[in-house]
Amino acid sequence: MSANSKLISYNTQNVTEFTSLPFSAPSSGRIVFQVEGSGSTATISFNNGSTTYQLNSGSALASGAIYEFSVAVASGDTFTISGATFIRGFFISEVLV
């Protein structure tokens, strides 16, 4: 666990908050993250850009607006964002049903 993350336990789920990118998933689970729009299309990428997705269906995120997204990740996935300002994220060690 890095200096910019902390572990929080909720029943059987472990939640790790992180405040900087890139973030590497310690196990399979879900990342919930918040970004501030910059007026352009935001993209998330995994594993040095080997897999990329546009957020908000490819529509630009309004400048200054706060958004929250959620994605499933596999163990070892390295997650980063471009086109928006990352605020913080939460890694949840179990995928919510």
Protein backbone atom coordinates (compact mmCIF):
# COMPACT_ATOMS: atom_id res chain seq x y z
CA MET A 1 0.00 0.00 0.00
CA SER A 2 1.45 3.38 -0.97
CA ALA A 3 1.68 6.55 1.10
CA ASN A 4 -1.24 8.04 -0.84
CA SER A 5 -3.73 5.26 -0.12
CA LYS A 6 -5.48 3.90 2.95
CA LEU A 7 -7.40 0.71 3.71
CA ILE A 8 -10.95 0.84 5.13
CA SER A 9 -12.86 -2.39 5.97
CA TYR A 10 -16.65 -2.70 5.62
CA ASN A 11 -17.87 -6.14 6.75
CA THR A 12 -16.27 -8.54 4.23
CA GLN A 13 -15.23 -5.85 1.75
CA ASN A 14 -11.94 -4.00 1.86
CA VAL A 15 -11.97 -0.49 0.43
CA THR A 16 -8.73 1.27 -0.43
CA GLU A 17 -8.90 5.02 -1.06
CA PHE A 18 -6.24 6.42 -3.41
CA THR A 19 -5.48 10.00 -4.38
CA SER A 20 -2.97 9.72 -7.21
CA LEU A 21 -2.54 7.81 -10.45
CA PRO A 22 -1.55 5.40 -11.82
CA PHE A 23 -3.15 2.91 -9.42
CA SER A 24 -2.49 -0.82 -9.64
CA ALA A 25 -5.32 -3.11 -8.49
CA PRO A 26 -4.06 -5.51 -5.80
CA SER A 27 -6.81 -8.04 -6.66
CA SER A 28 -9.94 -8.28 -8.80
CA GLY A 29 -12.70 -5.90 -7.81
CA ARG A 30 -14.16 -2.51 -8.67
CA ILE A 31 -12.78 1.02 -8.84
CA VAL A 32 -15.11 3.92 -8.10
CA PHE A 33 -13.48 7.23 -8.96
CA GLN A 34 -14.21 10.95 -9.07
CA VAL A 35 -12.92 13.40 -11.65
CA GLU A 36 -13.32 17.08 -12.47
CA GLY A 37 -14.20 17.76 -16.08
CA SER A 38 -11.96 19.92 -18.24
CA GLY A 39 -14.28 20.52 -21.20
CA SER A 40 -12.84 17.65 -23.23
CA THR A 41 -13.41 13.94 -23.67
CA ALA A 42 -11.96 11.93 -20.78
CA THR A 43 -10.39 8.52 -21.25
CA ILE A 44 -9.44 5.78 -18.82
CA SER A 45 -6.72 3.37 -19.74
CA PHE A 46 -5.39 0.16 -18.30
CA ASN A 47 -1.93 -1.36 -18.43
CA ASN A 48 -0.03 1.43 -20.19
CA GLY A 49 -2.80 2.11 -22.69
CA SER A 50 -3.31 -1.46 -23.87
CA THR A 51 -7.05 -1.05 -23.16
CA THR A 52 -8.80 2.35 -23.26
CA TYR A 53 -12.38 3.55 -22.80
CA GLN A 54 -13.97 6.96 -23.22
CA LEU A 55 -15.96 8.14 -20.22
CA ASN A 56 -19.45 9.63 -20.51
CA SER A 57 -20.11 7.80 -23.80
CA GLY A 58 -17.41 9.89 -25.46
CA SER A 59 -19.09 13.22 -24.67
CA ALA A 60 -16.94 15.98 -23.23
CA LEU A 61 -17.03 16.41 -19.45
CA ALA A 62 -18.17 19.95 -18.59
CA SER A 63 -15.34 22.09 -17.32
CA GLY A 64 -15.37 22.30 -13.51
CA ALA A 65 -18.16 19.72 -13.08
CA ILE A 66 -17.56 16.75 -10.78
CA TYR A 67 -18.29 13.23 -12.08
CA GLU A 68 -18.17 9.77 -10.52
CA PHE A 69 -17.64 6.55 -12.47
CA SER A 70 -17.19 2.87 -11.64
CA VAL A 71 -15.29 0.15 -13.50
CA ALA A 72 -14.47 -3.50 -12.83
CA VAL A 73 -10.78 -4.40 -12.73
CA ALA A 74 -8.71 -7.57 -12.66
CA SER A 75 -5.81 -8.22 -10.35
CA GLY A 76 -2.74 -6.29 -11.50
CA ASP A 77 -4.60 -3.86 -13.80
CA THR A 78 -2.92 -0.45 -13.75
CA PHE A 79 -5.50 2.33 -14.06
CA THR A 80 -5.01 5.94 -15.21
CA ILE A 81 -7.09 8.83 -16.61
CA SER A 82 -6.51 11.52 -19.24
CA GLY A 83 -8.64 14.49 -20.29
CA ALA A 84 -9.95 15.18 -16.76
CA THR A 85 -8.52 16.00 -13.35
CA PHE A 86 -8.46 12.97 -11.06
CA ILE A 87 -9.82 13.76 -7.56
CA ARG A 88 -9.81 10.41 -5.76
CA GLY A 89 -10.71 6.77 -6.18
CA PHE A 90 -11.79 3.78 -4.14
CA PHE A 91 -10.75 0.22 -4.86
CA ILE A 92 -13.30 -2.32 -3.57
CA SER A 93 -11.84 -5.80 -3.26
CA GLU A 94 -15.10 -7.57 -4.07
CA VAL A 95 -17.37 -6.74 -6.97
CA LEU A 96 -20.70 -5.56 -5.58
CA VAL A 97 -23.70 -7.64 -6.56
